[in-house]
C-alpha cells in the first residue's frame, strides 16, 4: 500500500513514502534554530512555506505521483501544537483530495517501530531519547498492544537539556550535536548524577553545568555534561534489561544519533551478552519515513479515522497509543 507520512512535531517538516514496509522516500526541510532555539509561531510559518516543496521532493524521490498514493498518515503528537497543526492540515488535504484513508500516528511509537524494523529485532527494550522525551519502553501485549513505560525523565528530555545547555554557553547551532563536537576535546568535571531506579532527572545537571559557564572551558563542560547524562541513561537501561530478562536493546530518537551514546550502550550489552541495535540516523532524526511506515501498517490492519476526527494532541503519551 503506497502510503505517505507527514512529520511536523517540532523543527522538521518531513515527508516519507512507504510501500510494503520499504521506505521509498524520506525528505525534509528544517527550521534553523541558530542560537535562540525554537519559536513555535516561526517554526510553524516555516513549515507552511516548506510543505509543498517537501511533498514534491518526496514524490520525485519515490518516482510516484500524488494520484498513486493509497493512504496517508500524520503525526498526531506529542509535539508543538502550531507545528503539529501544519502537518495535520497537509495530511487531511491530501486524504480529502484523493479520497483515501488517513491515520494519526504517535511520534514516539513511530521512532520505536521503525528502529525495531531496521534492526531486525523482535521484542527489545527500547531507550527512546529525543528533545522532549527520554523513556525506557517495553511492548506489552494486553489489553491491547502498547508500549509500557519502565522508566522516564522526571523533568526534561535529555535532548532538550543538551540543547538548552548549548544555548546557555552560546554554541551555534544550539544543538546537542554541537555539544558533542566540543566534547571531543574535553576533560571530565564531576557533576550531579540523578538516577532513581529506572527513572532519571536532568535539570540539576543542567543548572550546575550552566553555573560553570565562563569558569571552565566549553570543551570540558560539554564533555562532562554529555558523559554524565549518558552514564545516567546507561545505568537505568542496564537495570531495565536485567530486571525484564531481555536480551535485545534498541535506541531511538534524536539523541540516538550520538555515536558516544551508542558506544556506551553497546558496551553495556556486550558485558551481558545482549544484542544491540539502532536505525540509520535519518530515522533517528525526526522524519516522515517512520510516520509512513507505521501508518501503512495501521491501514493494512484495518485502522483508519474519519477526517473530522483527525486531531492533534500535544501531550500524546506513548503508553496511550495502540501498536498495530
C-alpha atoms as a PDB file:
ATOM      1  CA  UNK A   1       0.000   0.000   0.000  1.00  0.00           C
ATOM      2  CA  UNK A   2       1.698   3.200  -1.158  1.00  0.00           C
ATOM      3  CA  UNK A   3       1.477   5.438   1.903  1.00  0.00           C
ATOM      4  CA  UNK A   4       2.627   8.997   2.522  1.00  0.00           C
ATOM      5  CA  UNK A   5       3.543  10.107   6.029  1.00  0.00           C
ATOM      6  CA  UNK A   6       3.938  13.663   7.300  1.00  0.00           C
ATOM      7  CA  UNK A   7       6.014  14.615  10.357  1.00  0.00           C
ATOM      8  CA  UNK A   8       5.815  18.138  11.791  1.00  0.00           C
ATOM      9  CA  UNK A   9       6.070  17.783  15.569  1.00  0.00           C
ATOM     10  CA  UNK A  10       8.922  20.272  16.030  1.00  0.00           C
ATOM     11  CA  UNK A  11      11.643  21.865  13.870  1.00  0.00           C
ATOM     12  CA  UNK A  12      11.365  19.403  10.956  1.00  0.00           C
ATOM     13  CA  UNK A  13       8.779  19.144   8.206  1.00  0.00           C
ATOM     14  CA  UNK A  14       9.339  15.643   6.877  1.00  0.00           C
ATOM     15  CA  UNK A  15       7.569  13.602   4.238  1.00  0.00           C
ATOM     16  CA  UNK A  16       8.078   9.874   3.755  1.00  0.00           C
ATOM     17  CA  UNK A  17       6.647   7.438   1.254  1.00  0.00           C
ATOM     18  CA  UNK A  18       6.494   3.728   2.014  1.00  0.00           C
ATOM     19  CA  UNK A  19       5.333   0.700   0.047  1.00  0.00           C
ATOM     20  CA  UNK A  20       5.075  -2.751   1.650  1.00  0.00           C
ATOM     21  CA  UNK A  21       7.300  -1.679   4.539  1.00  0.00           C
ATOM     22  CA  UNK A  22      10.026  -0.304   2.272  1.00  0.00           C
ATOM     23  CA  UNK A  23      10.887   3.383   2.555  1.00  0.00           C
ATOM     24  CA  UNK A  24      10.966   4.841  -0.949  1.00  0.00           C
ATOM     25  CA  UNK A  25      11.498   8.455   0.102  1.00  0.00           C
ATOM     26  CA  UNK A  26      12.316  10.304   3.290  1.00  0.00           C
ATOM     27  CA  UNK A  27      12.678  14.009   2.572  1.00  0.00           C
ATOM     28  CA  UNK A  28      12.658  17.033   4.882  1.00  0.00           C
ATOM     29  CA  UNK A  29      13.427  20.686   5.439  1.00  0.00           C
ATOM     30  CA  UNK A  30      14.239  22.096   8.871  1.00  0.00           C
ATOM     31  CA  UNK A  31      13.785  25.346  10.737  1.00  0.00           C
ATOM     32  CA  UNK A  32      17.138  26.959  11.531  1.00  0.00           C
ATOM     33  CA  UNK A  33      17.299  27.208  15.333  1.00  0.00           C
ATOM     34  CA  UNK A  34      20.516  29.276  15.329  1.00  0.00           C
ATOM     35  CA  UNK A  35      21.422  30.069  18.923  1.00  0.00           C
ATOM     36  CA  UNK A  36      17.899  31.093  20.009  1.00  0.00           C
ATOM     37  CA  UNK A  37      16.128  27.740  19.879  1.00  0.00           C
ATOM     38  CA  UNK A  38      12.621  27.243  18.505  1.00  0.00           C
ATOM     39  CA  UNK A  39       9.978  29.954  18.412  1.00  0.00           C
ATOM     40  CA  UNK A  40       6.760  27.941  17.778  1.00  0.00           C
ATOM     41  CA  UNK A  41       4.997  30.507  15.591  1.00  0.00           C
ATOM     42  CA  UNK A  42       8.104  30.982  13.444  1.00  0.00           C
ATOM     43  CA  UNK A  43       8.645  27.240  13.114  1.00  0.00           C
ATOM     44  CA  UNK A  44       5.033  26.735  12.024  1.00  0.00           C
ATOM     45  CA  UNK A  45       5.355  29.536   9.456  1.00  0.00           C
ATOM     46  CA  UNK A  46       8.461  27.842   8.068  1.00  0.00           C
ATOM     47  CA  UNK A  47       6.591  24.531   7.815  1.00  0.00           C
ATOM     48  CA  UNK A  48       3.768  26.200   5.888  1.00  0.00           C
ATOM     49  CA  UNK A  49       6.297  27.639   3.418  1.00  0.00           C
ATOM     50  CA  UNK A  50       8.138  24.333   3.057  1.00  0.00           C
ATOM     51  CA  UNK A  51       5.217  21.865   2.950  1.00  0.00           C
ATOM     52  CA  UNK A  52       4.506  21.848  -0.772  1.00  0.00           C
ATOM     53  CA  UNK A  53       8.229  21.705  -1.616  1.00  0.00           C
ATOM     54  CA  UNK A  54       8.961  18.752   0.679  1.00  0.00           C
ATOM     55  CA  UNK A  55       5.917  16.813  -0.543  1.00  0.00           C
ATOM     56  CA  UNK A  56       7.113  17.306  -4.125  1.00  0.00           C
ATOM     57  CA  UNK A  57      10.650  16.260  -3.154  1.00  0.00           C
ATOM     58  CA  UNK A  58       9.320  13.008  -1.662  1.00  0.00           C
ATOM     59  CA  UNK A  59       7.131  12.190  -4.650  1.00  0.00           C
ATOM     60  CA  UNK A  60      10.052  12.786  -7.016  1.00  0.00           C
ATOM     61  CA  UNK A  61      12.415  10.691  -4.900  1.00  0.00           C
ATOM     62  CA  UNK A  62       9.925   7.802  -4.782  1.00  0.00           C
ATOM     63  CA  UNK A  63       9.225   8.225  -8.514  1.00  0.00           C
ATOM     64  CA  UNK A  64       5.469   8.324  -7.972  1.00  0.00           C
ATOM     65  CA  UNK A  65       2.694  10.866  -8.473  1.00  0.00           C
ATOM     66  CA  UNK A  66       0.234  12.105  -5.888  1.00  0.00           C
ATOM     67  CA  UNK A  67      -2.587  10.191  -7.593  1.00  0.00           C
ATOM     68  CA  UNK A  68      -0.730   6.940  -6.830  1.00  0.00           C
ATOM     69  CA  UNK A  69      -0.943   7.441  -3.047  1.00  0.00           C
ATOM     70  CA  UNK A  70      -3.274   4.939  -1.350  1.00  0.00           C
ATOM     71  CA  UNK A  71      -3.096   6.053   2.280  1.00  0.00           C
ATOM     72  CA  UNK A  72      -1.995   8.964   4.469  1.00  0.00           C
ATOM     73  CA  UNK A  73      -0.501   9.221   7.946  1.00  0.00           C
ATOM     74  CA  UNK A  74       0.495  12.213  10.045  1.00  0.00           C
ATOM     75  CA  UNK A  75       1.997  12.915  13.450  1.00  0.00           C
ATOM     76  CA  UNK A  76      -0.806  13.444  15.952  1.00  0.00           C
ATOM     77  CA  UNK A  77       1.615  14.158  18.804  1.00  0.00           C
ATOM     78  CA  UNK A  78       3.433  14.664  21.023  1.00  0.00           C
ATOM     79  CA  UNK A  79       4.888  17.921  19.819  1.00  0.00           C
ATOM     80  CA  UNK A  80       4.448  21.670  19.447  1.00  0.00           C
ATOM     81  CA  UNK A  81       0.806  22.496  18.768  1.00  0.00           C
ATOM     82  CA  UNK A  82       1.281  25.040  15.990  1.00  0.00           C
ATOM     83  CA  UNK A  83       3.714  22.732  14.195  1.00  0.00           C
ATOM     84  CA  UNK A  84       1.524  19.647  14.550  1.00  0.00           C
ATOM     85  CA  UNK A  85      -1.386  21.563  13.030  1.00  0.00           C
ATOM     86  CA  UNK A  86       0.545  22.241   9.825  1.00  0.00           C
ATOM     87  CA  UNK A  87       1.201  18.544   9.257  1.00  0.00           C
ATOM     88  CA  UNK A  88      -2.356  17.626  10.215  1.00  0.00           C
ATOM     89  CA  UNK A  89      -3.799  20.093   7.696  1.00  0.00           C
ATOM     90  CA  UNK A  90      -1.458  18.930   4.932  1.00  0.00           C
ATOM     91  CA  UNK A  91      -2.358  15.277   5.561  1.00  0.00           C
ATOM     92  CA  UNK A  92      -6.098  15.955   5.680  1.00  0.00           C
ATOM     93  CA  UNK A  93      -5.883  17.963   2.461  1.00  0.00           C
ATOM     94  CA  UNK A  94      -4.127  15.093   0.679  1.00  0.00           C
ATOM     95  CA  UNK A  95      -6.530  12.453   2.033  1.00  0.00           C
ATOM     96  CA  UNK A  96      -9.617  14.509   1.139  1.00  0.00           C
ATOM     97  CA  UNK A  97      -8.311  15.335  -2.319  1.00  0.00           C
ATOM     98  CA  UNK A  98      -7.503  11.724  -3.141  1.00  0.00           C
ATOM     99  CA  UNK A  99     -10.410  10.143  -1.277  1.00  0.00           C
ATOM    100  CA  UNK A 100      -8.089   7.777   0.629  1.00  0.00           C
ATOM    101  CA  UNK A 101      -7.946   6.708   4.266  1.00  0.00           C
ATOM    102  CA  UNK A 102      -5.949   8.579   6.888  1.00  0.00           C
ATOM    103  CA  UNK A 103      -4.461   7.667  10.282  1.00  0.00           C
ATOM    104  CA  UNK A 104      -2.965   9.715  13.132  1.00  0.00           C
ATOM    105  CA  UNK A 105       0.381   8.349  14.353  1.00  0.00           C
ATOM    106  CA  UNK A 106       2.099   8.650  17.729  1.00  0.00           C
ATOM    107  CA  UNK A 107       5.523  10.179  17.109  1.00  0.00           C
ATOM    108  CA  UNK A 108       7.264   8.065  19.762  1.00  0.00           C
ATOM    109  CA  UNK A 109       5.707   4.811  18.527  1.00  0.00           C
ATOM    110  CA  UNK A 110       6.981   5.648  15.044  1.00  0.00           C
ATOM    111  CA  UNK A 111      10.543   6.112  16.334  1.00  0.00           C
ATOM    112  CA  UNK A 112      10.428   2.810  18.233  1.00  0.00           C
ATOM    113  CA  UNK A 113       8.807   0.764  15.478  1.00  0.00           C
ATOM    114  CA  UNK A 114      10.988   1.919  12.571  1.00  0.00           C
ATOM    115  CA  UNK A 115      14.074   1.243  14.691  1.00  0.00           C
ATOM    116  CA  UNK A 116      12.920  -2.238  15.652  1.00  0.00           C
ATOM    117  CA  UNK A 117      12.164  -2.913  11.971  1.00  0.00           C
ATOM    118  CA  UNK A 118      15.529  -1.601  10.756  1.00  0.00           C
ATOM    119  CA  UNK A 119      17.442  -3.540  13.440  1.00  0.00           C
ATOM    120  CA  UNK A 120      15.504  -6.748  12.772  1.00  0.00           C
ATOM    121  CA  UNK A 121      14.653  -7.179  16.470  1.00  0.00           C
ATOM    122  CA  UNK A 122      11.571  -8.886  17.866  1.00  0.00           C
ATOM    123  CA  UNK A 123      10.803  -7.663  21.369  1.00  0.00           C
ATOM    124  CA  UNK A 124      13.587  -5.382  22.632  1.00  0.00           C
ATOM    125  CA  UNK A 125      13.842  -2.925  25.448  1.00  0.00           C
ATOM    126  CA  UNK A 126      13.806   0.445  23.712  1.00  0.00           C
ATOM    127  CA  UNK A 127      15.603   3.521  25.000  1.00  0.00           C
ATOM    128  CA  UNK A 128      13.819   6.462  23.409  1.00  0.00           C
ATOM    129  CA  UNK A 129      15.862   9.649  23.733  1.00  0.00           C
ATOM    130  CA  UNK A 130      14.840  12.841  21.982  1.00  0.00           C
ATOM    131  CA  UNK A 131      14.305  16.521  22.651  1.00  0.00           C
ATOM    132  CA  UNK A 132      11.052  16.212  24.530  1.00  0.00           C
ATOM    133  CA  UNK A 133      11.245  12.591  25.669  1.00  0.00           C
ATOM    134  CA  UNK A 134      13.578  10.226  27.492  1.00  0.00           C
ATOM    135  CA  UNK A 135      11.942   6.890  28.222  1.00  0.00           C
ATOM    136  CA  UNK A 136      12.643   3.178  28.651  1.00  0.00           C
ATOM    137  CA  UNK A 137       9.993   1.170  26.820  1.00  0.00           C
ATOM    138  CA  UNK A 138       8.821  -2.410  26.559  1.00  0.00           C
ATOM    139  CA  UNK A 139       5.985  -3.678  24.353  1.00  0.00           C
ATOM    140  CA  UNK A 140       3.068  -5.043  26.407  1.00  0.00           C
ATOM    141  CA  UNK A 141       0.518  -7.408  24.859  1.00  0.00           C
ATOM    142  CA  UNK A 142      -2.678  -6.516  26.701  1.00  0.00           C
ATOM    143  CA  UNK A 143      -5.351  -5.355  26.937  1.00  0.00           C
ATOM    144  CA  UNK A 144      -4.202  -4.158  23.525  1.00  0.00           C
ATOM    145  CA  UNK A 145      -0.592  -3.944  22.273  1.00  0.00           C
ATOM    146  CA  UNK A 146       1.067  -0.814  23.623  1.00  0.00           C
ATOM    147  CA  UNK A 147       4.404   0.409  24.909  1.00  0.00           C
ATOM    148  CA  UNK A 148       4.779   0.200  28.677  1.00  0.00           C
ATOM    149  CA  UNK A 149       7.000   2.881  30.206  1.00  0.00           C
ATOM    150  CA  UNK A 150       9.533   1.217  32.505  1.00  0.00           C
ATOM    151  CA  UNK A 151      11.320   4.450  33.349  1.00  0.00           C
ATOM    152  CA  UNK A 152      11.443   8.037  32.178  1.00  0.00           C
ATOM    153  CA  UNK A 153      12.714  11.514  32.886  1.00  0.00           C
ATOM    154  CA  UNK A 154      11.341  13.262  35.954  1.00  0.00           C
ATOM    155  CA  UNK A 155      11.734  16.663  34.305  1.00  0.00           C
ATOM    156  CA  UNK A 156      13.059  17.315  30.780  1.00  0.00           C
ATOM    157  CA  UNK A 157      14.245  15.142  27.922  1.00  0.00           C
ATOM    158  CA  UNK A 158      17.970  14.681  27.529  1.00  0.00           C
ATOM    159  CA  UNK A 159      17.837  16.302  24.092  1.00  0.00           C
ATOM    160  CA  UNK A 160      16.197  19.462  25.418  1.00  0.00           C
ATOM    161  CA  UNK A 161      18.727  19.522  28.248  1.00  0.00           C
ATOM    162  CA  UNK A 162      21.678  19.400  25.851  1.00  0.00           C
ATOM    163  CA  UNK A 163      20.103  21.972  23.530  1.00  0.00           C
ATOM    164  CA  UNK A 164      19.396  24.305  26.477  1.00  0.00           C
ATOM    165  CA  UNK A 165      22.998  23.971  27.604  1.00  0.00           C
ATOM    166  CA  UNK A 166      24.207  24.741  24.085  1.00  0.00           C
ATOM    167  CA  UNK A 167      22.148  27.958  24.156  1.00  0.00           C
ATOM    168  CA  UNK A 168      23.442  28.800  27.641  1.00  0.00           C
ATOM    169  CA  UNK A 169      27.074  28.721  26.512  1.00  0.00           C
ATOM    170  CA  UNK A 170      26.182  30.290  23.135  1.00  0.00           C
ATOM    171  CA  UNK A 171      27.070  27.449  20.804  1.00  0.00           C
ATOM    172  CA  UNK A 172      25.941  27.779  17.184  1.00  0.00           C
ATOM    173  CA  UNK A 173      23.871  25.971  16.168  1.00  0.00           C
ATOM    174  CA  UNK A 174      22.440  25.306  19.629  1.00  0.00           C
ATOM    175  CA  UNK A 175      22.158  21.532  19.204  1.00  0.00           C
ATOM    176  CA  UNK A 176      23.274  18.510  21.174  1.00  0.00           C
ATOM    177  CA  UNK A 177      25.405  17.626  18.152  1.00  0.00           C
ATOM    178  CA  UNK A 178      27.365  20.844  18.669  1.00  0.00           C
ATOM    179  CA  UNK A 179      27.855  19.894  22.320  1.00  0.00           C
ATOM    180  CA  UNK A 180      29.214  16.535  21.109  1.00  0.00           C
ATOM    181  CA  UNK A 181      31.679  18.269  18.793  1.00  0.00           C
ATOM    182  CA  UNK A 182      33.073  20.405  21.619  1.00  0.00           C
ATOM    183  CA  UNK A 183      33.085  17.375  23.961  1.00  0.00           C
ATOM    184  CA  UNK A 184      35.571  15.589  21.716  1.00  0.00           C
ATOM    185  CA  UNK A 185      38.395  17.708  23.187  1.00  0.00           C
ATOM    186  CA  UNK A 186      37.195  17.972  26.773  1.00  0.00           C
ATOM    187  CA  UNK A 187      38.155  16.628  30.182  1.00  0.00           C
ATOM    188  CA  UNK A 188      35.797  15.420  32.889  1.00  0.00           C
ATOM    189  CA  UNK A 189      34.486  17.650  35.682  1.00  0.00           C
ATOM    190  CA  UNK A 190      32.364  15.935  38.345  1.00  0.00           C
ATOM    191  CA  UNK A 191      28.703  16.857  38.010  1.00  0.00           C
ATOM    192  CA  UNK A 192      25.328  15.980  39.654  1.00  0.00           C
ATOM    193  CA  UNK A 193      24.072  12.491  38.817  1.00  0.00           C
ATOM    194  CA  UNK A 194      20.405  11.621  39.401  1.00  0.00           C
ATOM    195  CA  UNK A 195      19.041   8.118  38.791  1.00  0.00           C
ATOM    196  CA  UNK A 196      16.154   6.622  40.777  1.00  0.00           C
ATOM    197  CA  UNK A 197      15.623   3.016  39.758  1.00  0.00           C
ATOM    198  CA  UNK A 198      14.830   3.281  36.053  1.00  0.00           C
ATOM    199  CA  UNK A 199      13.954   6.992  36.177  1.00  0.00           C
ATOM    200  CA  UNK A 200      16.319   9.922  35.811  1.00  0.00           C
ATOM    201  CA  UNK A 201      16.391  13.724  36.076  1.00  0.00           C
ATOM    202  CA  UNK A 202      18.456  16.288  34.188  1.00  0.00           C
ATOM    203  CA  UNK A 203      17.622  19.765  35.489  1.00  0.00           C
ATOM    204  CA  UNK A 204      20.115  19.584  38.364  1.00  0.00           C
ATOM    205  CA  UNK A 205      22.833  18.625  35.918  1.00  0.00           C
ATOM    206  CA  UNK A 206      21.840  21.437  33.555  1.00  0.00           C
ATOM    207  CA  UNK A 207      21.758  24.031  36.339  1.00  0.00           C
ATOM    208  CA  UNK A 208      25.153  23.003  37.676  1.00  0.00           C
ATOM    209  CA  UNK A 209      26.850  22.865  34.279  1.00  0.00           C
ATOM    210  CA  UNK A 210      25.362  26.247  33.348  1.00  0.00           C
ATOM    211  CA  UNK A 211      26.681  27.757  36.595  1.00  0.00           C
ATOM    212  CA  UNK A 212      30.207  26.914  35.439  1.00  0.00           C
ATOM    213  CA  UNK A 213      29.869  28.766  32.120  1.00  0.00           C
ATOM    214  CA  UNK A 214      32.780  31.171  31.821  1.00  0.00           C
ATOM    215  CA  UNK A 215      34.613  29.480  34.699  1.00  0.00           C
ATOM    216  CA  UNK A 216      35.531  26.272  32.877  1.00  0.00           C
ATOM    217  CA  UNK A 217      36.302  25.690  29.216  1.00  0.00           C
ATOM    218  CA  UNK A 218      33.421  24.987  26.878  1.00  0.00           C
ATOM    219  CA  UNK A 219      35.125  21.758  25.850  1.00  0.00           C
ATOM    220  CA  UNK A 220      35.336  20.461  29.430  1.00  0.00           C
ATOM    221  CA  UNK A 221      31.772  21.458  30.212  1.00  0.00           C
ATOM    222  CA  UNK A 222      30.408  19.814  27.061  1.00  0.00           C
ATOM    223  CA  UNK A 223      32.349  16.623  27.717  1.00  0.00           C
ATOM    224  CA  UNK A 224      31.217  16.472  31.335  1.00  0.00           C
ATOM    225  CA  UNK A 225      27.526  17.149  30.789  1.00  0.00           C
ATOM    226  CA  UNK A 226      27.401  14.658  27.926  1.00  0.00           C
ATOM    227  CA  UNK A 227      29.259  11.890  29.771  1.00  0.00           C
ATOM    228  CA  UNK A 228      27.223  12.337  32.944  1.00  0.00           C
ATOM    229  CA  UNK A 229      23.827  12.357  31.240  1.00  0.00           C
ATOM    230  CA  UNK A 230      24.692   9.375  29.044  1.00  0.00           C
ATOM    231  CA  UNK A 231      26.012   7.415  32.045  1.00  0.00           C
ATOM    232  CA  UNK A 232      22.688   8.032  33.783  1.00  0.00           C
ATOM    233  CA  UNK A 233      20.807   6.673  30.786  1.00  0.00           C
ATOM    234  CA  UNK A 234      23.085   3.627  30.613  1.00  0.00           C
ATOM    235  CA  UNK A 235      22.615   2.792  34.290  1.00  0.00           C
ATOM    236  CA  UNK A 236      18.826   2.923  34.051  1.00  0.00           C
ATOM    237  CA  UNK A 237      18.865   0.957  30.777  1.00  0.00           C
ATOM    238  CA  UNK A 238      21.082  -1.773  32.205  1.00  0.00           C
ATOM    239  CA  UNK A 239      18.717  -2.107  35.169  1.00  0.00           C
ATOM    240  CA  UNK A 240      15.713  -2.404  32.822  1.00  0.00           C
ATOM    241  CA  UNK A 241      17.421  -5.075  30.715  1.00  0.00           C
ATOM    242  CA  UNK A 242      18.310  -7.193  33.733  1.00  0.00           C
ATOM    243  CA  UNK A 243      15.004  -6.822  35.565  1.00  0.00           C
ATOM    244  CA  UNK A 244      12.991  -7.833  32.484  1.00  0.00           C
ATOM    245  CA  UNK A 245      15.376 -10.627  31.407  1.00  0.00           C
ATOM    246  CA  UNK A 246      15.599  -9.010  27.980  1.00  0.00           C
ATOM    247  CA  UNK A 247      18.362  -9.878  25.559  1.00  0.00           C
ATOM    248  CA  UNK A 248      17.827  -7.110  22.978  1.00  0.00           C
ATOM    249  CA  UNK A 249      18.188  -3.336  23.235  1.00  0.00           C
ATOM    250  CA  UNK A 250      17.295  -0.664  20.700  1.00  0.00           C
ATOM    251  CA  UNK A 251      17.999   3.037  20.999  1.00  0.00           C
ATOM    252  CA  UNK A 252      15.973   5.566  19.009  1.00  0.00           C
ATOM    253  CA  UNK A 253      15.133   9.256  18.826  1.00  0.00           C
ATOM    254  CA  UNK A 254      17.156  12.335  18.002  1.00  0.00           C
ATOM    255  CA  UNK A 255      19.810  11.757  20.663  1.00  0.00           C
ATOM    256  CA  UNK A 256      20.339   8.234  19.288  1.00  0.00           C
ATOM    257  CA  UNK A 257      22.334   9.936  16.544  1.00  0.00           C
ATOM    258  CA  UNK A 258      25.117  10.335  19.126  1.00  0.00           C
ATOM    259  CA  UNK A 259      27.975   7.939  18.397  1.00  0.00           C
ATOM    260  CA  UNK A 260      29.135   8.280  22.014  1.00  0.00           C
ATOM    261  CA  UNK A 261      25.780   7.197  23.464  1.00  0.00           C
ATOM    262  CA  UNK A 262      25.666   4.213  21.097  1.00  0.00           C
ATOM    263  CA  UNK A 263      29.210   3.283  22.067  1.00  0.00           C
ATOM    264  CA  UNK A 264      28.300   3.319  25.773  1.00  0.00           C
ATOM    265  CA  UNK A 265      25.103   1.301  25.277  1.00  0.00           C
ATOM    266  CA  UNK A 266      26.914  -1.229  23.093  1.00  0.00           C
ATOM    267  CA  UNK A 267      29.419  -1.709  25.923  1.00  0.00           C
ATOM    268  CA  UNK A 268      26.577  -2.451  28.372  1.00  0.00           C
ATOM    269  CA  UNK A 269      25.084  -5.021  26.006  1.00  0.00           C
ATOM    270  CA  UNK A 270      28.431  -6.650  25.287  1.00  0.00           C
ATOM    271  CA  UNK A 271      29.096  -7.101  29.003  1.00  0.00           C
ATOM    272  CA  UNK A 272      25.847  -9.057  29.396  1.00  0.00           C
ATOM    273  CA  UNK A 273      25.858 -10.892  26.051  1.00  0.00           C
ATOM    274  CA  UNK A 274      22.889  -8.945  24.685  1.00  0.00           C
ATOM    275  CA  UNK A 275      22.130  -7.731  21.174  1.00  0.00           C
ATOM    276  CA  UNK A 276      22.219  -4.000  20.497  1.00  0.00           C
ATOM    277  CA  UNK A 277      20.530  -2.327  17.555  1.00  0.00           C
ATOM    278  CA  UNK A 278      19.669   1.067  16.094  1.00  0.00           C
ATOM    279  CA  UNK A 279      18.454   2.578  12.856  1.00  0.00           C
ATOM    280  CA  UNK A 280      20.285   4.797  10.392  1.00  0.00           C
ATOM    281  CA  UNK A 281      20.468   8.394  11.564  1.00  0.00           C
ATOM    282  CA  UNK A 282      17.863   9.507   9.032  1.00  0.00           C
ATOM    283  CA  UNK A 283      15.300   7.560  11.101  1.00  0.00           C
ATOM    284  CA  UNK A 284      16.600   8.809  14.458  1.00  0.00           C
ATOM    285  CA  UNK A 285      16.142  12.429  13.473  1.00  0.00           C
ATOM    286  CA  UNK A 286      12.508  13.480  13.078  1.00  0.00           C
ATOM    287  CA  UNK A 287      11.352  12.163   9.722  1.00  0.00           C
ATOM    288  CA  UNK A 288       8.307  11.340   7.647  1.00  0.00           C
ATOM    289  CA  UNK A 289       9.529   7.862   6.725  1.00  0.00           C
ATOM    290  CA  UNK A 290       8.812   6.486  10.190  1.00  0.00           C
ATOM    291  CA  UNK A 291       5.321   8.035  10.131  1.00  0.00           C
ATOM    292  CA  UNK A 292       4.592   6.486   6.741  1.00  0.00           C
ATOM    293  CA  UNK A 293       5.926   3.102   7.911  1.00  0.00           C
ATOM    294  CA  UNK A 294       3.620   2.952  10.933  1.00  0.00           C
ATOM    295  CA  UNK A 295       0.687   4.450   9.031  1.00  0.00           C
ATOM    296  CA  UNK A 296       0.906   1.792   6.316  1.00  0.00           C
ATOM    297  CA  UNK A 297       0.849  -0.956   8.938  1.00  0.00           C
ATOM    298  CA  UNK A 298      -2.131   0.616  10.706  1.00  0.00           C
ATOM    299  CA  UNK A 299      -4.036   0.887   7.444  1.00  0.00           C
ATOM    300  CA  UNK A 300      -3.204  -2.698   6.468  1.00  0.00           C
ATOM    301  CA  UNK A 301      -4.549  -3.828   9.833  1.00  0.00           C
ATOM    302  CA  UNK A 302      -7.861  -2.100   9.169  1.00  0.00           C
ATOM    303  CA  UNK A 303      -7.453   1.031  11.270  1.00  0.00           C
ATOM    304  CA  UNK A 304      -8.364   4.473   9.955  1.00  0.00           C
ATOM    305  CA  UNK A 305     -10.015   7.615  11.271  1.00  0.00           C
ATOM    306  CA  UNK A 306     -12.719   9.806   9.660  1.00  0.00           C
ATOM    307  CA  UNK A 307     -11.358  13.152   8.509  1.00  0.00           C
ATOM    308  CA  UNK A 308     -13.461  15.084  11.033  1.00  0.00           C
ATOM    309  CA  UNK A 309     -11.852  13.118  13.884  1.00  0.00           C
ATOM    310  CA  UNK A 310      -8.270  13.692  12.767  1.00  0.00           C
ATOM    311  CA  UNK A 311      -6.999  15.845  15.613  1.00  0.00           C
ATOM    312  CA  UNK A 312      -3.694  16.639  17.285  1.00  0.00           C
ATOM    313  CA  UNK A 313      -2.602  16.110  20.901  1.00  0.00           C
ATOM    314  CA  UNK A 314       0.482  17.907  22.169  1.00  0.00           C
ATOM    315  CA  UNK A 315       0.931  15.529  25.129  1.00  0.00           C
ATOM    316  CA  UNK A 316       0.087  12.269  23.370  1.00  0.00           C
ATOM    317  CA  UNK A 317       1.949   9.795  25.575  1.00  0.00           C
ATOM    318  CA  UNK A 318       3.265   6.617  24.016  1.00  0.00           C
ATOM    319  CA  UNK A 319       1.605   4.345  26.607  1.00  0.00           C
ATOM    320  CA  UNK A 320      -1.817   5.542  25.380  1.00  0.00           C
ATOM    321  CA  UNK A 321      -1.212   4.568  21.754  1.00  0.00           C
ATOM    322  CA  UNK A 322      -2.183   1.135  20.398  1.00  0.00           C
ATOM    323  CA  UNK A 323       0.602  -0.512  18.385  1.00  0.00           C
ATOM    324  CA  UNK A 324      -0.841  -2.159  15.280  1.00  0.00           C
END
